[in-house]
Amino acid sequence: MSMLQAQSADVSSGLGIYFPLVVMFVLAAGFAVFSALLGPLLGPSRYNRAKFEAYECGIEPSPQPVAGGGRVPVAYYLTAMLFILFDIEMVFLYPFAVSADALGLFGLVEIFLFIATVGFAYAYVWRRGGLDWN
């Protein structure tokens, strides 16, 4: 019986290190619920027509699309895809920044090759006119 008590004491002491994390999550959830419930009760409730309309990037909303009878220019999609492409590639630089000392010269050469590859892709897109809004 003493061995079973020793094992349960080890488990309970091991889980005790997570108590501050659980407290933090409970406090964060409580603050989020408190803010979401209290905001509409204490905030001003002056409703007008403009508050019920859709917000379109600071311009007056129109019932019909302005450009091309309902078609969105392809430049928007190309810009979004280029942003995603370069944004995801740049995310790979963060692990290198964290472990640059441990990687040494090998890591330095690899990151220069990676940046050169991204630079070539950027130059290609720029030369082909993918970044022009005309």
C-alpha atoms as a PDB file:
ATOM      1  CA  MET A   1       0.000   0.000   0.000  1.00  0.00           C
ATOM      2  CA  SER A   2       2.855   2.376   0.652  1.00  0.00           C
ATOM      3  CA  MET A   3       4.078   2.010  -2.944  1.00  0.00           C
ATOM      4  CA  LEU A   4       0.649   3.019  -4.273  1.00  0.00           C
ATOM      5  CA  GLN A   5       0.632   6.078  -2.030  1.00  0.00           C
ATOM      6  CA  ALA A   6       4.129   7.009  -3.221  1.00  0.00           C
ATOM      7  CA  GLN A   7       3.060   6.748  -6.865  1.00  0.00           C
ATOM      8  CA  SER A   8      -0.023   8.920  -6.289  1.00  0.00           C
ATOM      9  CA  ALA A   9       2.126  11.492  -4.478  1.00  0.00           C
ATOM     10  CA  ASP A  10       4.526  11.598  -7.455  1.00  0.00           C
ATOM     11  CA  VAL A  11       1.662  12.100  -9.910  1.00  0.00           C
ATOM     12  CA  SER A  12       0.016  14.834  -7.860  1.00  0.00           C
ATOM     13  CA  SER A  13       3.283  16.698  -7.325  1.00  0.00           C
ATOM     14  CA  GLY A  14       4.080  16.418 -11.052  1.00  0.00           C
ATOM     15  CA  LEU A  15       0.720  17.877 -12.050  1.00  0.00           C
ATOM     16  CA  GLY A  16       1.094  20.691  -9.552  1.00  0.00           C
ATOM     17  CA  ILE A  17       3.451  22.535 -11.874  1.00  0.00           C
ATOM     18  CA  TYR A  18       0.535  23.116 -14.269  1.00  0.00           C
ATOM     19  CA  PHE A  19      -1.585  24.887 -11.634  1.00  0.00           C
ATOM     20  CA  PRO A  20      -0.388  28.425 -12.560  1.00  0.00           C
ATOM     21  CA  LEU A  21      -1.143  27.702 -16.216  1.00  0.00           C
ATOM     22  CA  VAL A  22      -4.666  26.548 -15.384  1.00  0.00           C
ATOM     23  CA  VAL A  23      -5.184  29.653 -13.236  1.00  0.00           C
ATOM     24  CA  MET A  24      -4.007  31.857 -16.113  1.00  0.00           C
ATOM     25  CA  PHE A  25      -6.430  30.204 -18.561  1.00  0.00           C
ATOM     26  CA  VAL A  26      -9.305  30.561 -16.092  1.00  0.00           C
ATOM     27  CA  LEU A  27      -8.502  34.249 -15.557  1.00  0.00           C
ATOM     28  CA  ALA A  28      -8.215  34.861 -19.313  1.00  0.00           C
ATOM     29  CA  ALA A  29     -11.528  33.110 -20.017  1.00  0.00           C
ATOM     30  CA  GLY A  30     -13.191  34.990 -17.162  1.00  0.00           C
ATOM     31  CA  PHE A  31     -11.918  38.327 -18.465  1.00  0.00           C
ATOM     32  CA  ALA A  32     -13.101  37.520 -21.997  1.00  0.00           C
ATOM     33  CA  VAL A  33     -16.589  36.533 -20.826  1.00  0.00           C
ATOM     34  CA  PHE A  34     -16.761  39.509 -18.456  1.00  0.00           C
ATOM     35  CA  SER A  35     -15.769  41.938 -21.230  1.00  0.00           C
ATOM     36  CA  ALA A  36     -18.159  40.427 -23.764  1.00  0.00           C
ATOM     37  CA  LEU A  37     -21.110  40.562 -21.376  1.00  0.00           C
ATOM     38  CA  LEU A  38     -20.389  43.934 -19.801  1.00  0.00           C
ATOM     39  CA  GLY A  39     -19.605  45.855 -23.012  1.00  0.00           C
ATOM     40  CA  PRO A  40     -23.123  45.984 -24.429  1.00  0.00           C
ATOM     41  CA  LEU A  41     -24.571  46.805 -20.997  1.00  0.00           C
ATOM     42  CA  LEU A  42     -22.298  49.763 -20.242  1.00  0.00           C
ATOM     43  CA  GLY A  43     -21.565  51.007 -23.770  1.00  0.00           C
ATOM     44  CA  PRO A  44     -23.552  53.686 -25.546  1.00  0.00           C
ATOM     45  CA  SER A  45     -26.523  52.445 -27.524  1.00  0.00           C
ATOM     46  CA  ARG A  46     -27.077  55.229 -30.040  1.00  0.00           C
ATOM     47  CA  TYR A  47     -28.192  53.357 -33.133  1.00  0.00           C
ATOM     48  CA  ASN A  48     -28.413  54.983 -36.534  1.00  0.00           C
ATOM     49  CA  ARG A  49     -28.599  53.867 -40.149  1.00  0.00           C
ATOM     50  CA  ALA A  50     -24.826  54.003 -40.687  1.00  0.00           C
ATOM     51  CA  LYS A  51     -24.157  51.490 -37.913  1.00  0.00           C
ATOM     52  CA  PHE A  52     -26.346  48.894 -39.584  1.00  0.00           C
ATOM     53  CA  GLU A  53     -24.692  49.187 -43.015  1.00  0.00           C
ATOM     54  CA  ALA A  54     -21.817  47.027 -44.164  1.00  0.00           C
ATOM     55  CA  TYR A  55     -18.370  48.578 -43.757  1.00  0.00           C
ATOM     56  CA  GLU A  56     -16.396  48.553 -47.007  1.00  0.00           C
ATOM     57  CA  CYS A  57     -12.921  49.896 -46.199  1.00  0.00           C
ATOM     58  CA  GLY A  58     -14.012  53.459 -45.553  1.00  0.00           C
ATOM     59  CA  ILE A  59     -15.931  53.991 -48.790  1.00  0.00           C
ATOM     60  CA  GLU A  60     -19.640  54.397 -49.177  1.00  0.00           C
ATOM     61  CA  PRO A  61     -21.242  50.994 -49.729  1.00  0.00           C
ATOM     62  CA  SER A  62     -23.014  50.588 -53.034  1.00  0.00           C
ATOM     63  CA  PRO A  63     -25.810  48.161 -53.845  1.00  0.00           C
ATOM     64  CA  GLN A  64     -24.070  46.999 -57.042  1.00  0.00           C
ATOM     65  CA  PRO A  65     -20.388  46.198 -57.530  1.00  0.00           C
ATOM     66  CA  VAL A  66     -18.538  49.081 -59.160  1.00  0.00           C
ATOM     67  CA  ALA A  67     -15.917  47.313 -61.299  1.00  0.00           C
ATOM     68  CA  GLY A  68     -16.893  45.088 -64.210  1.00  0.00           C
ATOM     69  CA  GLY A  69     -20.489  44.252 -63.413  1.00  0.00           C
ATOM     70  CA  GLY A  70     -19.780  42.082 -60.365  1.00  0.00           C
ATOM     71  CA  ARG A  71     -16.285  40.894 -61.222  1.00  0.00           C
ATOM     72  CA  VAL A  72     -13.376  41.583 -58.927  1.00  0.00           C
ATOM     73  CA  PRO A  73     -10.097  42.478 -60.645  1.00  0.00           C
ATOM     74  CA  VAL A  74      -7.564  39.662 -60.724  1.00  0.00           C
ATOM     75  CA  ALA A  75      -4.928  41.985 -59.246  1.00  0.00           C
ATOM     76  CA  TYR A  76      -6.571  41.582 -55.824  1.00  0.00           C
ATOM     77  CA  TYR A  77      -6.235  37.805 -55.947  1.00  0.00           C
ATOM     78  CA  LEU A  78      -2.670  37.945 -57.272  1.00  0.00           C
ATOM     79  CA  THR A  79      -1.637  40.336 -54.529  1.00  0.00           C
ATOM     80  CA  ALA A  80      -3.256  38.142 -51.899  1.00  0.00           C
ATOM     81  CA  MET A  81      -1.511  35.028 -53.220  1.00  0.00           C
ATOM     82  CA  LEU A  82       1.844  36.806 -53.363  1.00  0.00           C
ATOM     83  CA  PHE A  83       1.377  38.036 -49.808  1.00  0.00           C
ATOM     84  CA  ILE A  84       0.603  34.523 -48.595  1.00  0.00           C
ATOM     85  CA  LEU A  85       3.552  33.092 -50.500  1.00  0.00           C
ATOM     86  CA  PHE A  86       6.128  35.530 -49.149  1.00  0.00           C
ATOM     87  CA  ASP A  87       4.565  35.646 -45.703  1.00  0.00           C
ATOM     88  CA  ILE A  88       4.792  31.875 -45.287  1.00  0.00           C
ATOM     89  CA  GLU A  89       8.356  31.863 -46.574  1.00  0.00           C
ATOM     90  CA  MET A  90       9.355  34.557 -44.100  1.00  0.00           C
ATOM     91  CA  VAL A  91       7.899  32.536 -41.227  1.00  0.00           C
ATOM     92  CA  PHE A  92      10.701  30.033 -41.822  1.00  0.00           C
ATOM     93  CA  LEU A  93      13.225  32.690 -40.803  1.00  0.00           C
ATOM     94  CA  TYR A  94      12.031  32.732 -37.179  1.00  0.00           C
ATOM     95  CA  PRO A  95      13.313  29.250 -36.242  1.00  0.00           C
ATOM     96  CA  PHE A  96      16.683  30.180 -37.721  1.00  0.00           C
ATOM     97  CA  ALA A  97      16.804  33.335 -35.625  1.00  0.00           C
ATOM     98  CA  VAL A  98      16.116  31.312 -32.483  1.00  0.00           C
ATOM     99  CA  SER A  99      18.702  28.604 -33.153  1.00  0.00           C
ATOM    100  CA  ALA A 100      21.330  30.509 -35.145  1.00  0.00           C
ATOM    101  CA  ASP A 101      24.090  29.772 -32.614  1.00  0.00           C
ATOM    102  CA  ALA A 102      23.416  26.042 -32.583  1.00  0.00           C
ATOM    103  CA  LEU A 103      23.366  25.738 -36.385  1.00  0.00           C
ATOM    104  CA  GLY A 104      26.709  27.416 -36.928  1.00  0.00           C
ATOM    105  CA  LEU A 105      28.180  27.872 -40.398  1.00  0.00           C
ATOM    106  CA  PHE A 106      25.890  25.247 -41.958  1.00  0.00           C
ATOM    107  CA  GLY A 107      22.817  27.178 -40.827  1.00  0.00           C
ATOM    108  CA  LEU A 108      24.268  30.448 -42.070  1.00  0.00           C
ATOM    109  CA  VAL A 109      24.888  29.023 -45.547  1.00  0.00           C
ATOM    110  CA  GLU A 110      21.428  27.458 -45.651  1.00  0.00           C
ATOM    111  CA  ILE A 111      19.684  30.677 -44.623  1.00  0.00           C
ATOM    112  CA  PHE A 112      21.599  32.633 -47.270  1.00  0.00           C
ATOM    113  CA  LEU A 113      20.464  30.093 -49.873  1.00  0.00           C
ATOM    114  CA  PHE A 114      16.895  30.392 -48.618  1.00  0.00           C
ATOM    115  CA  ILE A 115      16.969  34.198 -48.752  1.00  0.00           C
ATOM    116  CA  ALA A 116      18.502  34.051 -52.251  1.00  0.00           C
ATOM    117  CA  THR A 117      15.676  31.763 -53.404  1.00  0.00           C
ATOM    118  CA  VAL A 118      13.052  34.125 -51.966  1.00  0.00           C
ATOM    119  CA  GLY A 119      14.905  37.066 -53.518  1.00  0.00           C
ATOM    120  CA  PHE A 120      14.897  35.434 -56.952  1.00  0.00           C
ATOM    121  CA  ALA A 121      11.160  34.764 -56.661  1.00  0.00           C
ATOM    122  CA  TYR A 122      10.574  38.377 -55.626  1.00  0.00           C
ATOM    123  CA  ALA A 123      12.651  39.695 -58.537  1.00  0.00           C
ATOM    124  CA  TYR A 124      10.781  37.417 -60.974  1.00  0.00           C
ATOM    125  CA  VAL A 125       7.379  38.607 -59.760  1.00  0.00           C
ATOM    126  CA  TRP A 126       8.516  42.226 -59.842  1.00  0.00           C
ATOM    127  CA  ARG A 127       9.932  41.890 -63.385  1.00  0.00           C
ATOM    128  CA  ARG A 128       6.755  40.182 -64.659  1.00  0.00           C
ATOM    129  CA  GLY A 129       4.662  43.098 -63.301  1.00  0.00           C
ATOM    130  CA  GLY A 130       2.943  41.203 -60.515  1.00  0.00           C
ATOM    131  CA  LEU A 131       3.387  44.116 -58.142  1.00  0.00           C
ATOM    132  CA  ASP A 132       2.001  46.829 -60.470  1.00  0.00           C
ATOM    133  CA  TRP A 133      -1.522  48.133 -59.839  1.00  0.00           C
ATOM    134  CA  ASN A 134      -2.104  49.596 -63.310  1.00  0.00           C
END
